[in-house]
Amino acid sequence: MVGSTTGGGKGPQELQILSSANGIDWNLRSTDLLAIPGVSVLDPSLKLVNGQLRLWFGYAPDMNHDNSRIANGILTLGSVPAAVVAKPGTSCVKAGTKATFQGKPVICKKTKGTLVWVRVR
């Protein structure tokens, strides 16, 4: 979810990314999504448009809400690949995939009808 801070006399509002596993308890990302010195950024709205996450938000230059404007942009979402645990004897997904386990090379091979990680000798 994208939300804005309250500002509350402590400075301009900023856009934040929040996440939740259950929709009740929310965690705030450690860095702002959008924070512009001297500009309040508020009231975000998201919509998936043609496979892209479009973000609309208001902003108030010099924190003067009488001069508020609306802007939009596209959020690019990224992910970090999951770490592969390539312990010899454990299952793997694609034959021929190479990895290392404790600094030694392993390869995914079909053994007895099952794909498993095998040490390379």
PDB file of N, CA and C in Angstrom:
ATOM      1  N   MET A   1       0.847  -1.164   0.000  1.00  0.00           N
ATOM      2  CA  MET A   1       0.000   0.000   0.000  1.00  0.00           C
ATOM      3  C   MET A   1       0.898   1.235   0.000  1.00  0.00           C
ATOM      4  N   VAL A   2       0.413   2.283  -0.602  1.00  0.00           N
ATOM      5  CA  VAL A   2       1.104   3.568  -0.540  1.00  0.00           C
ATOM      6  C   VAL A   2       0.238   4.505   0.293  1.00  0.00           C
ATOM      7  N   GLY A   3       0.851   5.190   1.238  1.00  0.00           N
ATOM      8  CA  GLY A   3       0.145   6.144   2.085  1.00  0.00           C
ATOM      9  C   GLY A   3       0.991   7.383   2.267  1.00  0.00           C
ATOM     10  N   SER A   4       0.408   8.406   2.858  1.00  0.00           N
ATOM     11  CA  SER A   4       1.183   9.616   3.135  1.00  0.00           C
ATOM     12  C   SER A   4       1.281   9.816   4.640  1.00  0.00           C
ATOM     13  N   THR A   5       2.384  10.422   5.056  1.00  0.00           N
ATOM     14  CA  THR A   5       2.554  10.748   6.469  1.00  0.00           C
ATOM     15  C   THR A   5       1.609  11.893   6.810  1.00  0.00           C
ATOM     16  N   THR A   6       1.438  12.168   8.081  1.00  0.00           N
ATOM     17  CA  THR A   6       0.502  13.217   8.484  1.00  0.00           C
ATOM     18  C   THR A   6       1.098  14.609   8.437  1.00  0.00           C
ATOM     19  N   GLY A   7       2.410  14.713   8.381  1.00  0.00           N
ATOM     20  CA  GLY A   7       3.012  16.043   8.461  1.00  0.00           C
ATOM     21  C   GLY A   7       2.890  16.546   9.879  1.00  0.00           C
ATOM     22  N   GLY A   8       1.715  16.962  10.277  1.00  0.00           N
ATOM     23  CA  GLY A   8       1.413  17.336  11.649  1.00  0.00           C
ATOM     24  C   GLY A   8       2.323  18.385  12.247  1.00  0.00           C
ATOM     25  N   GLY A   9       2.719  19.389  11.479  1.00  0.00           N
ATOM     26  CA  GLY A   9       3.574  20.445  11.996  1.00  0.00           C
ATOM     27  C   GLY A   9       5.036  20.053  12.099  1.00  0.00           C
ATOM     28  N   LYS A  10       5.344  18.803  11.763  1.00  0.00           N
ATOM     29  CA  LYS A  10       6.735  18.334  11.840  1.00  0.00           C
ATOM     30  C   LYS A  10       7.443  18.440  10.497  1.00  0.00           C
ATOM     31  N   GLY A  11       6.784  19.008   9.533  1.00  0.00           N
ATOM     32  CA  GLY A  11       7.375  19.121   8.206  1.00  0.00           C
ATOM     33  C   GLY A  11       6.388  18.674   7.150  1.00  0.00           C
ATOM     34  N   PRO A  12       6.842  18.607   5.911  1.00  0.00           N
ATOM     35  CA  PRO A  12       5.945  18.246   4.817  1.00  0.00           C
ATOM     36  C   PRO A  12       5.522  16.781   4.881  1.00  0.00           C
ATOM     37  N   GLN A  13       4.371  16.498   4.281  1.00  0.00           N
ATOM     38  CA  GLN A  13       3.916  15.123   4.157  1.00  0.00           C
ATOM     39  C   GLN A  13       4.768  14.420   3.105  1.00  0.00           C
ATOM     40  N   GLU A  14       4.931  13.111   3.281  1.00  0.00           N
ATOM     41  CA  GLU A  14       5.747  12.303   2.374  1.00  0.00           C
ATOM     42  C   GLU A  14       4.979  11.042   2.013  1.00  0.00           C
ATOM     43  N   LEU A  15       5.278  10.476   0.848  1.00  0.00           N
ATOM     44  CA  LEU A  15       4.667   9.206   0.468  1.00  0.00           C
ATOM     45  C   LEU A  15       5.526   8.065   0.998  1.00  0.00           C
ATOM     46  N   GLN A  16       4.853   7.051   1.518  1.00  0.00           N
ATOM     47  CA  GLN A  16       5.513   5.892   2.114  1.00  0.00           C
ATOM     48  C   GLN A  16       4.932   4.614   1.510  1.00  0.00           C
ATOM     49  N   ILE A  17       5.739   3.555   1.501  1.00  0.00           N
ATOM     50  CA  ILE A  17       5.248   2.228   1.133  1.00  0.00           C
ATOM     51  C   ILE A  17       5.071   1.428   2.412  1.00  0.00           C
ATOM     52  N   LEU A  18       3.911   0.802   2.546  1.00  0.00           N
ATOM     53  CA  LEU A  18       3.618  -0.034   3.706  1.00  0.00           C
ATOM     54  C   LEU A  18       3.294  -1.445   3.225  1.00  0.00           C
ATOM     55  N   SER A  19       3.567  -2.431   4.063  1.00  0.00           N
ATOM     56  CA  SER A  19       3.232  -3.809   3.717  1.00  0.00           C
ATOM     57  C   SER A  19       2.573  -4.489   4.908  1.00  0.00           C
ATOM     58  N   SER A  20       1.765  -5.490   4.602  1.00  0.00           N
ATOM     59  CA  SER A  20       1.059  -6.213   5.653  1.00  0.00           C
ATOM     60  C   SER A  20       0.828  -7.651   5.215  1.00  0.00           C
ATOM     61  N   ALA A  21       1.039  -8.575   6.126  1.00  0.00           N
ATOM     62  CA  ALA A  21       0.761  -9.982   5.850  1.00  0.00           C
ATOM     63  C   ALA A  21      -0.713 -10.308   6.084  1.00  0.00           C
ATOM     64  N   ASN A  22      -1.394  -9.507   6.916  1.00  0.00           N
ATOM     65  CA  ASN A  22      -2.771  -9.836   7.275  1.00  0.00           C
ATOM     66  C   ASN A  22      -3.782  -8.707   7.022  1.00  0.00           C
ATOM     67  N   GLY A  23      -3.324  -7.559   6.552  1.00  0.00           N
ATOM     68  CA  GLY A  23      -4.226  -6.437   6.296  1.00  0.00           C
ATOM     69  C   GLY A  23      -4.633  -5.669   7.541  1.00  0.00           C
ATOM     70  N   ILE A  24      -4.128  -6.082   8.693  1.00  0.00           N
ATOM     71  CA  ILE A  24      -4.437  -5.404   9.956  1.00  0.00           C
ATOM     72  C   ILE A  24      -3.194  -4.724  10.522  1.00  0.00           C
ATOM     73  N   ASP A  25      -2.113  -5.471  10.580  1.00  0.00           N
ATOM     74  CA  ASP A  25      -0.844  -4.949  11.095  1.00  0.00           C
ATOM     75  C   ASP A  25       0.028  -4.526   9.917  1.00  0.00           C
ATOM     76  N   TRP A  26       0.503  -3.274   9.937  1.00  0.00           N
ATOM     77  CA  TRP A  26       1.243  -2.729   8.806  1.00  0.00           C
ATOM     78  C   TRP A  26       2.674  -2.390   9.197  1.00  0.00           C
ATOM     79  N   ASN A  27       3.590  -2.622   8.250  1.00  0.00           N
ATOM     80  CA  ASN A  27       5.001  -2.286   8.434  1.00  0.00           C
ATOM     81  C   ASN A  27       5.380  -1.190   7.457  1.00  0.00           C
ATOM     82  N   LEU A  28       6.128  -0.224   7.935  1.00  0.00           N
ATOM     83  CA  LEU A  28       6.563   0.918   7.139  1.00  0.00           C
ATOM     84  C   LEU A  28       7.955   0.643   6.593  1.00  0.00           C
ATOM     85  N   ARG A  29       8.137   0.857   5.281  1.00  0.00           N
ATOM     86  CA  ARG A  29       9.458   0.692   4.686  1.00  0.00           C
ATOM     87  C   ARG A  29      10.400   1.731   5.271  1.00  0.00           C
ATOM     88  N   SER A  30      11.684   1.402   5.349  1.00  0.00           N
ATOM     89  CA  SER A  30      12.643   2.289   6.024  1.00  0.00           C
ATOM     90  C   SER A  30      12.954   3.566   5.248  1.00  0.00           C
ATOM     91  N   THR A  31      12.676   3.603   3.951  1.00  0.00           N
ATOM     92  CA  THR A  31      12.936   4.818   3.166  1.00  0.00           C
ATOM     93  C   THR A  31      11.633   5.326   2.551  1.00  0.00           C
ATOM     94  N   ASP A  32      11.571   6.631   2.311  1.00  0.00           N
ATOM     95  CA  ASP A  32      10.389   7.239   1.705  1.00  0.00           C
ATOM     96  C   ASP A  32      10.265   6.826   0.248  1.00  0.00           C
ATOM     97  N   LEU A  33       9.031   6.732  -0.238  1.00  0.00           N
ATOM     98  CA  LEU A  33       8.802   6.549  -1.662  1.00  0.00           C
ATOM     99  C   LEU A  33       9.023   7.879  -2.375  1.00  0.00           C
ATOM    100  N   LEU A  34       8.497   8.964  -1.792  1.00  0.00           N
ATOM    101  CA  LEU A  34       8.675  10.293  -2.372  1.00  0.00           C
ATOM    102  C   LEU A  34       8.665  11.334  -1.262  1.00  0.00           C
ATOM    103  N   ALA A  35       9.756  12.047  -1.139  1.00  0.00           N
ATOM    104  CA  ALA A  35       9.877  13.131  -0.162  1.00  0.00           C
ATOM    105  C   ALA A  35      10.634  14.264  -0.837  1.00  0.00           C
ATOM    106  N   ILE A  36       9.985  15.423  -0.957  1.00  0.00           N
ATOM    107  CA  ILE A  36      10.593  16.585  -1.609  1.00  0.00           C
ATOM    108  C   ILE A  36      10.711  17.685  -0.557  1.00  0.00           C
ATOM    109  N   PRO A  37      11.910  18.182  -0.298  1.00  0.00           N
ATOM    110  CA  PRO A  37      12.068  19.229   0.719  1.00  0.00           C
ATOM    111  C   PRO A  37      11.146  20.424   0.448  1.00  0.00           C
ATOM    112  N   GLY A  38      10.388  20.833   1.470  1.00  0.00           N
ATOM    113  CA  GLY A  38       9.523  22.001   1.350  1.00  0.00           C
ATOM    114  C   GLY A  38       8.235  21.772   0.584  1.00  0.00           C
ATOM    115  N   VAL A  39       7.965  20.526   0.169  1.00  0.00           N
ATOM    116  CA  VAL A  39       6.752  20.223  -0.596  1.00  0.00           C
ATOM    117  C   VAL A  39       5.990  19.112   0.118  1.00  0.00           C
ATOM    118  N   SER A  40       4.714  19.345   0.401  1.00  0.00           N
ATOM    119  CA  SER A  40       3.879  18.278   0.951  1.00  0.00           C
ATOM    120  C   SER A  40       3.386  17.409  -0.194  1.00  0.00           C
ATOM    121  N   VAL A  41       3.545  16.103  -0.037  1.00  0.00           N
ATOM    122  CA  VAL A  41       3.082  15.131  -1.024  1.00  0.00           C
ATOM    123  C   VAL A  41       2.047  14.265  -0.312  1.00  0.00           C
ATOM    124  N   LEU A  42       0.823  14.209  -0.840  1.00  0.00           N
ATOM    125  CA  LEU A  42      -0.259  13.611  -0.068  1.00  0.00           C
ATOM    126  C   LEU A  42      -1.304  12.924  -0.922  1.00  0.00           C
ATOM    127  N   ASP A  43      -2.183  12.205  -0.246  1.00  0.00           N
ATOM    128  CA  ASP A  43      -3.376  11.576  -0.819  1.00  0.00           C
ATOM    129  C   ASP A  43      -3.085  10.719  -2.051  1.00  0.00           C
ATOM    130  N   PRO A  44      -2.247   9.690  -1.909  1.00  0.00           N
ATOM    131  CA  PRO A  44      -1.935   8.843  -3.055  1.00  0.00           C
ATOM    132  C   PRO A  44      -3.099   7.921  -3.427  1.00  0.00           C
ATOM    133  N   SER A  45      -3.163   7.594  -4.699  1.00  0.00           N
ATOM    134  CA  SER A  45      -4.143   6.647  -5.209  1.00  0.00           C
ATOM    135  C   SER A  45      -3.446   5.779  -6.245  1.00  0.00           C
ATOM    136  N   LEU A  46      -3.688   4.471  -6.205  1.00  0.00           N
ATOM    137  CA  LEU A  46      -3.031   3.533  -7.116  1.00  0.00           C
ATOM    138  C   LEU A  46      -4.050   2.846  -8.007  1.00  0.00           C
ATOM    139  N   LYS A  47      -3.634   2.544  -9.249  1.00  0.00           N
ATOM    140  CA  LYS A  47      -4.468   1.751 -10.143  1.00  0.00           C
ATOM    141  C   LYS A  47      -3.555   1.000 -11.099  1.00  0.00           C
ATOM    142  N   LEU A  48      -3.884  -0.259 -11.354  1.00  0.00           N
ATOM    143  CA  LEU A  48      -3.149  -1.051 -12.326  1.00  0.00           C
ATOM    144  C   LEU A  48      -3.689  -0.714 -13.707  1.00  0.00           C
ATOM    145  N   VAL A  49      -2.848  -0.135 -14.569  1.00  0.00           N
ATOM    146  CA  VAL A  49      -3.246   0.290 -15.906  1.00  0.00           C
ATOM    147  C   VAL A  49      -2.309  -0.375 -16.908  1.00  0.00           C
ATOM    148  N   ASN A  50      -2.866  -1.225 -17.764  1.00  0.00           N
ATOM    149  CA  ASN A  50      -2.078  -1.915 -18.789  1.00  0.00           C
ATOM    150  C   ASN A  50      -0.829  -2.579 -18.214  1.00  0.00           C
ATOM    151  N   GLY A  51      -0.982  -3.240 -17.083  1.00  0.00           N
ATOM    152  CA  GLY A  51       0.135  -3.962 -16.479  1.00  0.00           C
ATOM    153  C   GLY A  51       1.132  -3.092 -15.737  1.00  0.00           C
ATOM    154  N   GLN A  52       0.852  -1.804 -15.615  1.00  0.00           N
ATOM    155  CA  GLN A  52       1.746  -0.902 -14.883  1.00  0.00           C
ATOM    156  C   GLN A  52       0.996  -0.324 -13.686  1.00  0.00           C
ATOM    157  N   LEU A  53       1.708  -0.149 -12.580  1.00  0.00           N
ATOM    158  CA  LEU A  53       1.100   0.410 -11.383  1.00  0.00           C
ATOM    159  C   LEU A  53       1.208   1.935 -11.442  1.00  0.00           C
ATOM    160  N   ARG A  54       0.073   2.584 -11.730  1.00  0.00           N
ATOM    161  CA  ARG A  54       0.027   4.039 -11.872  1.00  0.00           C
ATOM    162  C   ARG A  54      -0.304   4.651 -10.515  1.00  0.00           C
ATOM    163  N   LEU A  55       0.410   5.714 -10.150  1.00  0.00           N
ATOM    164  CA  LEU A  55       0.231   6.402  -8.873  1.00  0.00           C
ATOM    165  C   LEU A  55      -0.153   7.851  -9.139  1.00  0.00           C
ATOM    166  N   TRP A  56      -1.274   8.284  -8.566  1.00  0.00           N
ATOM    167  CA  TRP A  56      -1.667   9.692  -8.598  1.00  0.00           C
ATOM    168  C   TRP A  56      -1.503  10.235  -7.185  1.00  0.00           C
ATOM    169  N   PHE A  57      -1.110  11.478  -7.064  1.00  0.00           N
ATOM    170  CA  PHE A  57      -0.955  12.076  -5.736  1.00  0.00           C
ATOM    171  C   PHE A  57      -1.055  13.587  -5.849  1.00  0.00           C
ATOM    172  N   GLY A  58      -1.406  14.210  -4.738  1.00  0.00           N
ATOM    173  CA  GLY A  58      -1.422  15.664  -4.668  1.00  0.00           C
ATOM    174  C   GLY A  58      -0.100  16.160  -4.113  1.00  0.00           C
ATOM    175  N   TYR A  59       0.243  17.379  -4.452  1.00  0.00           N
ATOM    176  CA  TYR A  59       1.433  17.992  -3.851  1.00  0.00           C
ATOM    177  C   TYR A  59       1.194  19.485  -3.683  1.00  0.00           C
ATOM    178  N   ALA A  60       1.782  20.021  -2.630  1.00  0.00           N
ATOM    179  CA  ALA A  60       1.603  21.435  -2.296  1.00  0.00           C
ATOM    180  C   ALA A  60       2.972  22.098  -2.228  1.00  0.00           C
ATOM    181  N   PRO A  61       3.352  22.857  -3.295  1.00  0.00           N
ATOM    182  CA  PRO A  61       4.640  23.556  -3.277  1.00  0.00           C
ATOM    183  C   PRO A  61       4.710  24.516  -2.094  1.00  0.00           C
ATOM    184  N   ASP A  62       5.853  24.610  -1.484  1.00  0.00           N
ATOM    185  CA  ASP A  62       6.076  25.477  -0.318  1.00  0.00           C
ATOM    186  C   ASP A  62       5.094  25.168   0.816  1.00  0.00           C
ATOM    187  N   MET A  63       4.528  23.952   0.798  1.00  0.00           N
ATOM    188  CA  MET A  63       3.568  23.494   1.809  1.00  0.00           C
ATOM    189  C   MET A  63       2.327  24.382   1.872  1.00  0.00           C
ATOM    190  N   ASN A  64       2.033  25.102   0.794  1.00  0.00           N
ATOM    191  CA  ASN A  64       0.853  25.960   0.706  1.00  0.00           C
ATOM    192  C   ASN A  64      -0.244  25.167  -0.006  1.00  0.00           C
ATOM    193  N   HIS A  65      -1.181  24.631   0.755  1.00  0.00           N
ATOM    194  CA  HIS A  65      -2.212  23.773   0.189  1.00  0.00           C
ATOM    195  C   HIS A  65      -3.209  24.534  -0.684  1.00  0.00           C
ATOM    196  N   ASP A  66      -3.195  25.867  -0.648  1.00  0.00           N
ATOM    197  CA  ASP A  66      -4.031  26.649  -1.563  1.00  0.00           C
ATOM    198  C   ASP A  66      -3.511  26.539  -2.995  1.00  0.00           C
ATOM    199  N   ASN A  67      -2.254  26.155  -3.163  1.00  0.00           N
ATOM    200  CA  ASN A  67      -1.646  26.019  -4.493  1.00  0.00           C
ATOM    201  C   ASN A  67      -1.421  24.553  -4.868  1.00  0.00           C
ATOM    202  N   SER A  68      -2.215  23.648  -4.303  1.00  0.00           N
ATOM    203  CA  SER A  68      -2.036  22.208  -4.540  1.00  0.00           C
ATOM    204  C   SER A  68      -2.201  21.845  -6.007  1.00  0.00           C
ATOM    205  N   ARG A  69      -1.474  20.842  -6.406  1.00  0.00           N
ATOM    206  CA  ARG A  69      -1.503  20.315  -7.775  1.00  0.00           C
ATOM    207  C   ARG A  69      -1.658  18.799  -7.689  1.00  0.00           C
ATOM    208  N   ILE A  70      -1.957  18.172  -8.816  1.00  0.00           N
ATOM    209  CA  ILE A  70      -2.018  16.712  -8.896  1.00  0.00           C
ATOM    210  C   ILE A  70      -0.975  16.250  -9.904  1.00  0.00           C
ATOM    211  N   ALA A  71      -0.271  15.195  -9.556  1.00  0.00           N
ATOM    212  CA  ALA A  71       0.739  14.618 -10.448  1.00  0.00           C
ATOM    213  C   ALA A  71       0.528  13.106 -10.479  1.00  0.00           C
ATOM    214  N   ASN A  72       1.186  12.453 -11.426  1.00  0.00           N
ATOM    215  CA  ASN A  72       1.111  10.996 -11.469  1.00  0.00           C
ATOM    216  C   ASN A  72       2.421  10.435 -11.978  1.00  0.00           C
ATOM    217  N   GLY A  73       2.598   9.176 -11.748  1.00  0.00           N
ATOM    218  CA  GLY A  73       3.795   8.489 -12.203  1.00  0.00           C
ATOM    219  C   GLY A  73       3.545   6.998 -12.212  1.00  0.00           C
ATOM    220  N   ILE A  74       4.528   6.262 -12.678  1.00  0.00           N
ATOM    221  CA  ILE A  74       4.440   4.808 -12.741  1.00  0.00           C
ATOM    222  C   ILE A  74       5.437   4.225 -11.750  1.00  0.00           C
ATOM    223  N   LEU A  75       4.966   3.298 -10.920  1.00  0.00           N
ATOM    224  CA  LEU A  75       5.855   2.607  -9.994  1.00  0.00           C
ATOM    225  C   LEU A  75       6.399   1.361 -10.676  1.00  0.00           C
ATOM    226  N   THR A  76       7.686   1.178 -10.604  1.00  0.00           N
ATOM    227  CA  THR A  76       8.316  -0.033 -11.110  1.00  0.00           C
ATOM    228  C   THR A  76       8.603  -0.921  -9.917  1.00  0.00           C
ATOM    229  N   LEU A  77       8.008  -2.088  -9.935  1.00  0.00           N
ATOM    230  CA  LEU A  77       8.179  -3.002  -8.823  1.00  0.00           C
ATOM    231  C   LEU A  77       9.317  -3.962  -9.127  1.00  0.00           C
ATOM    232  N   GLY A  78      10.111  -4.225  -8.134  1.00  0.00           N
ATOM    233  CA  GLY A  78      11.211  -5.161  -8.297  1.00  0.00           C
ATOM    234  C   GLY A  78      11.156  -6.223  -7.216  1.00  0.00           C
ATOM    235  N   SER A  79      11.915  -7.243  -7.415  1.00  0.00           N
ATOM    236  CA  SER A  79      11.990  -8.285  -6.398  1.00  0.00           C
ATOM    237  C   SER A  79      13.413  -8.793  -6.321  1.00  0.00           C
ATOM    238  N   VAL A  80      13.705  -9.367  -5.217  1.00  0.00           N
ATOM    239  CA  VAL A  80      15.015  -9.962  -5.009  1.00  0.00           C
ATOM    240  C   VAL A  80      14.841 -11.461  -5.187  1.00  0.00           C
ATOM    241  N   PRO A  81      15.652 -12.072  -6.059  1.00  0.00           N
ATOM    242  CA  PRO A  81      15.504 -13.513  -6.244  1.00  0.00           C
ATOM    243  C   PRO A  81      15.749 -14.259  -4.934  1.00  0.00           C
ATOM    244  N   ALA A  82      14.974 -15.288  -4.729  1.00  0.00           N
ATOM    245  CA  ALA A  82      15.159 -16.106  -3.530  1.00  0.00           C
ATOM    246  C   ALA A  82      16.494 -16.832  -3.608  1.00  0.00           C
ATOM    247  N   ALA A  83      17.143 -16.937  -2.482  1.00  0.00           N
ATOM    248  CA  ALA A  83      18.425 -17.637  -2.433  1.00  0.00           C
ATOM    249  C   ALA A  83      18.200 -19.126  -2.693  1.00  0.00           C
ATOM    250  N   VAL A  84      19.042 -19.698  -3.541  1.00  0.00           N
ATOM    251  CA  VAL A  84      18.964 -21.118  -3.845  1.00  0.00           C
ATOM    252  C   VAL A  84      19.782 -21.870  -2.811  1.00  0.00           C
ATOM    253  N   VAL A  85      19.144 -22.827  -2.150  1.00  0.00           N
ATOM    254  CA  VAL A  85      19.873 -23.689  -1.223  1.00  0.00           C
ATOM    255  C   VAL A  85      20.181 -24.959  -1.995  1.00  0.00           C
ATOM    256  N   ALA A  86      21.419 -25.078  -2.422  1.00  0.00           N
ATOM    257  CA  ALA A  86      21.825 -26.164  -3.310  1.00  0.00           C
ATOM    258  C   ALA A  86      22.597 -27.245  -2.563  1.00  0.00           C
ATOM    259  N   LYS A  87      22.028 -27.724  -1.479  1.00  0.00           N
ATOM    260  CA  LYS A  87      22.680 -28.764  -0.681  1.00  0.00           C
ATOM    261  C   LYS A  87      22.583 -30.095  -1.425  1.00  0.00           C
ATOM    262  N   PRO A  88      23.708 -30.767  -1.618  1.00  0.00           N
ATOM    263  CA  PRO A  88      23.677 -32.055  -2.321  1.00  0.00           C
ATOM    264  C   PRO A  88      22.659 -33.013  -1.700  1.00  0.00           C
ATOM    265  N   GLY A  89      21.874 -33.639  -2.581  1.00  0.00           N
ATOM    266  CA  GLY A  89      20.856 -34.582  -2.136  1.00  0.00           C
ATOM    267  C   GLY A  89      19.475 -33.969  -1.984  1.00  0.00           C
ATOM    268  N   THR A  90      19.398 -32.630  -1.944  1.00  0.00           N
ATOM    269  CA  THR A  90      18.088 -31.985  -1.839  1.00  0.00           C
ATOM    270  C   THR A  90      17.527 -31.739  -3.231  1.00  0.00           C
ATOM    271  N   SER A  91      16.227 -31.547  -3.318  1.00  0.00           N
ATOM    272  CA  SER A  91      15.582 -31.391  -4.621  1.00  0.00           C
ATOM    273  C   SER A  91      15.938 -30.063  -5.281  1.00  0.00           C
ATOM    274  N   CYS A  92      15.917 -30.091  -6.614  1.00  0.00           N
ATOM    275  CA  CYS A  92      16.144 -28.888  -7.420  1.00  0.00           C
ATOM    276  C   CYS A  92      15.062 -28.844  -8.485  1.00  0.00           C
ATOM    277  N   VAL A  93      15.055 -27.803  -9.302  1.00  0.00           N
ATOM    278  CA  VAL A  93      13.939 -27.587 -10.218  1.00  0.00           C
ATOM    279  C   VAL A  93      14.273 -27.876 -11.676  1.00  0.00           C
ATOM    280  N   LYS A  94      15.457 -27.468 -12.143  1.00  0.00           N
ATOM    281  CA  LYS A  94      15.777 -27.575 -13.565  1.00  0.00           C
ATOM    282  C   LYS A  94      17.109 -28.285 -13.765  1.00  0.00           C
ATOM    283  N   ALA A  95      17.078 -29.379 -14.494  1.00  0.00           N
ATOM    284  CA  ALA A  95      18.300 -30.138 -14.771  1.00  0.00           C
ATOM    285  C   ALA A  95      19.319 -29.251 -15.479  1.00  0.00           C
ATOM    286  N   GLY A  96      20.569 -29.370 -15.061  1.00  0.00           N
ATOM    287  CA  GLY A  96      21.644 -28.603 -15.673  1.00  0.00           C
ATOM    288  C   GLY A  96      21.950 -27.295 -14.971  1.00  0.00           C
ATOM    289  N   THR A  97      21.083 -26.873 -14.049  1.00  0.00           N
ATOM    290  CA  THR A  97      21.328 -25.641 -13.300  1.00  0.00           C
ATOM    291  C   THR A  97      22.561 -25.820 -12.428  1.00  0.00           C
ATOM    292  N   LYS A  98      23.442 -24.826 -12.444  1.00  0.00           N
ATOM    293  CA  LYS A  98      24.671 -24.894 -11.651  1.00  0.00           C
ATOM    294  C   LYS A  98      24.585 -23.934 -10.473  1.00  0.00           C
ATOM    295  N   ALA A  99      25.203 -24.335  -9.366  1.00  0.00           N
ATOM    296  CA  ALA A  99      25.230 -23.503  -8.161  1.00  0.00           C
ATOM    297  C   ALA A  99      26.457 -23.898  -7.349  1.00  0.00           C
ATOM    298  N   THR A 100      26.582 -23.316  -6.178  1.00  0.00           N
ATOM    299  CA  THR A 100      27.655 -23.715  -5.269  1.00  0.00           C
ATOM    300  C   THR A 100      27.050 -24.015  -3.906  1.00  0.00           C
ATOM    301  N   PHE A 101      27.687 -24.928  -3.199  1.00  0.00           N
ATOM    302  CA  PHE A 101      27.303 -25.245  -1.827  1.00  0.00           C
ATOM    303  C   PHE A 101      28.579 -25.316  -1.016  1.00  0.00           C
ATOM    304  N   GLN A 102      28.683 -24.459  -0.019  1.00  0.00           N
ATOM    305  CA  GLN A 102      29.880 -24.348   0.817  1.00  0.00           C
ATOM    306  C   GLN A 102      31.135 -24.165  -0.039  1.00  0.00           C
ATOM    307  N   GLY A 103      30.988 -23.340  -1.089  1.00  0.00           N
ATOM    308  CA  GLY A 103      32.110 -22.987  -1.952  1.00  0.00           C
ATOM    309  C   GLY A 103      32.470 -24.022  -3.002  1.00  0.00           C
ATOM    310  N   LYS A 104      31.740 -25.136  -3.065  1.00  0.00           N
ATOM    311  CA  LYS A 104      32.037 -26.190  -4.041  1.00  0.00           C
ATOM    312  C   LYS A 104      30.907 -26.277  -5.053  1.00  0.00           C
ATOM    313  N   PRO A 105      31.245 -26.541  -6.332  1.00  0.00           N
ATOM    314  CA  PRO A 105      30.211 -26.569  -7.371  1.00  0.00           C
ATOM    315  C   PRO A 105      29.276 -27.771  -7.238  1.00  0.00           C
ATOM    316  N   VAL A 106      28.001 -27.514  -7.514  1.00  0.00           N
ATOM    317  CA  VAL A 106      26.979 -28.561  -7.587  1.00  0.00           C
ATOM    318  C   VAL A 106      26.167 -28.333  -8.854  1.00  0.00           C
ATOM    319  N   ILE A 107      25.504 -29.387  -9.322  1.00  0.00           N
ATOM    320  CA  ILE A 107      24.672 -29.288 -10.521  1.00  0.00           C
ATOM    321  C   ILE A 107      23.378 -30.060 -10.279  1.00  0.00           C
ATOM    322  N   CYS A 108      22.312 -29.594 -10.874  1.00  0.00           N
ATOM    323  CA  CYS A 108      21.015 -30.253 -10.752  1.00  0.00           C
ATOM    324  C   CYS A 108      20.951 -31.382 -11.784  1.00  0.00           C
ATOM    325  N   LYS A 109      20.796 -32.637 -11.294  1.00  0.00           N
ATOM    326  CA  LYS A 109      20.742 -33.806 -12.177  1.00  0.00           C
ATOM    327  C   LYS A 109      19.569 -34.689 -11.793  1.00  0.00           C
ATOM    328  N   LYS A 110      19.096 -35.444 -12.794  1.00  0.00           N
ATOM    329  CA  LYS A 110      18.023 -36.395 -12.531  1.00  0.00           C
ATOM    330  C   LYS A 110      18.657 -37.690 -12.026  1.00  0.00           C
ATOM    331  N   THR A 111      18.316 -38.069 -10.804  1.00  0.00           N
ATOM    332  CA  THR A 111      18.842 -39.276 -10.191  1.00  0.00           C
ATOM    333  C   THR A 111      17.667 -40.103  -9.685  1.00  0.00           C
ATOM    334  N   LYS A 112      17.555 -41.328 -10.191  1.00  0.00           N
ATOM    335  CA  LYS A 112      16.457 -42.229  -9.799  1.00  0.00           C
ATOM    336  C   LYS A 112      15.101 -41.565 -10.011  1.00  0.00           C
ATOM    337  N   GLY A 113      14.969 -40.826 -11.121  1.00  0.00           N
ATOM    338  CA  GLY A 113      13.710 -40.192 -11.489  1.00  0.00           C
ATOM    339  C   GLY A 113      13.392 -38.887 -10.775  1.00  0.00           C
ATOM    340  N   THR A 114      14.327 -38.408  -9.943  1.00  0.00           N
ATOM    341  CA  THR A 114      14.101 -37.171  -9.192  1.00  0.00           C
ATOM    342  C   THR A 114      15.233 -36.187  -9.454  1.00  0.00           C
ATOM    343  N   LEU A 115      14.908 -34.906  -9.602  1.00  0.00           N
ATOM    344  CA  LEU A 115      15.931 -33.875  -9.764  1.00  0.00           C
ATOM    345  C   LEU A 115      16.514 -33.533  -8.401  1.00  0.00           C
ATOM    346  N   VAL A 116      17.843 -33.692  -8.273  1.00  0.00           N
ATOM    347  CA  VAL A 116      18.530 -33.381  -7.018  1.00  0.00           C
ATOM    348  C   VAL A 116      19.858 -32.690  -7.306  1.00  0.00           C
ATOM    349  N   TRP A 117      20.357 -31.947  -6.295  1.00  0.00           N
ATOM    350  CA  TRP A 117      21.674 -31.327  -6.394  1.00  0.00           C
ATOM    351  C   TRP A 117      22.739 -32.392  -6.166  1.00  0.00           C
ATOM    352  N   VAL A 118      23.761 -32.398  -7.056  1.00  0.00           N
ATOM    353  CA  VAL A 118      24.853 -33.371  -6.996  1.00  0.00           C
ATOM    354  C   VAL A 118      26.170 -32.615  -7.052  1.00  0.00           C
ATOM    355  N   ARG A 119      27.131 -33.032  -6.225  1.00  0.00           N
ATOM    356  CA  ARG A 119      28.470 -32.409  -6.262  1.00  0.00           C
ATOM    357  C   ARG A 119      29.132 -32.675  -7.606  1.00  0.00           C
ATOM    358  N   VAL A 120      29.828 -31.673  -8.111  1.00  0.00           N
ATOM    359  CA  VAL A 120      30.599 -31.817  -9.345  1.00  0.00           C
ATOM    360  C   VAL A 120      31.990 -32.270  -8.941  1.00  0.00           C
ATOM    361  N   ARG A 121      32.465 -33.345  -9.520  1.00  0.00           N
ATOM    362  CA  ARG A 121      33.797 -33.873  -9.159  1.00  0.00           C
ATOM    363  C   ARG A 121      34.787 -33.596 -10.246  1.00  0.00           C
TER     364      ARG A 121
END
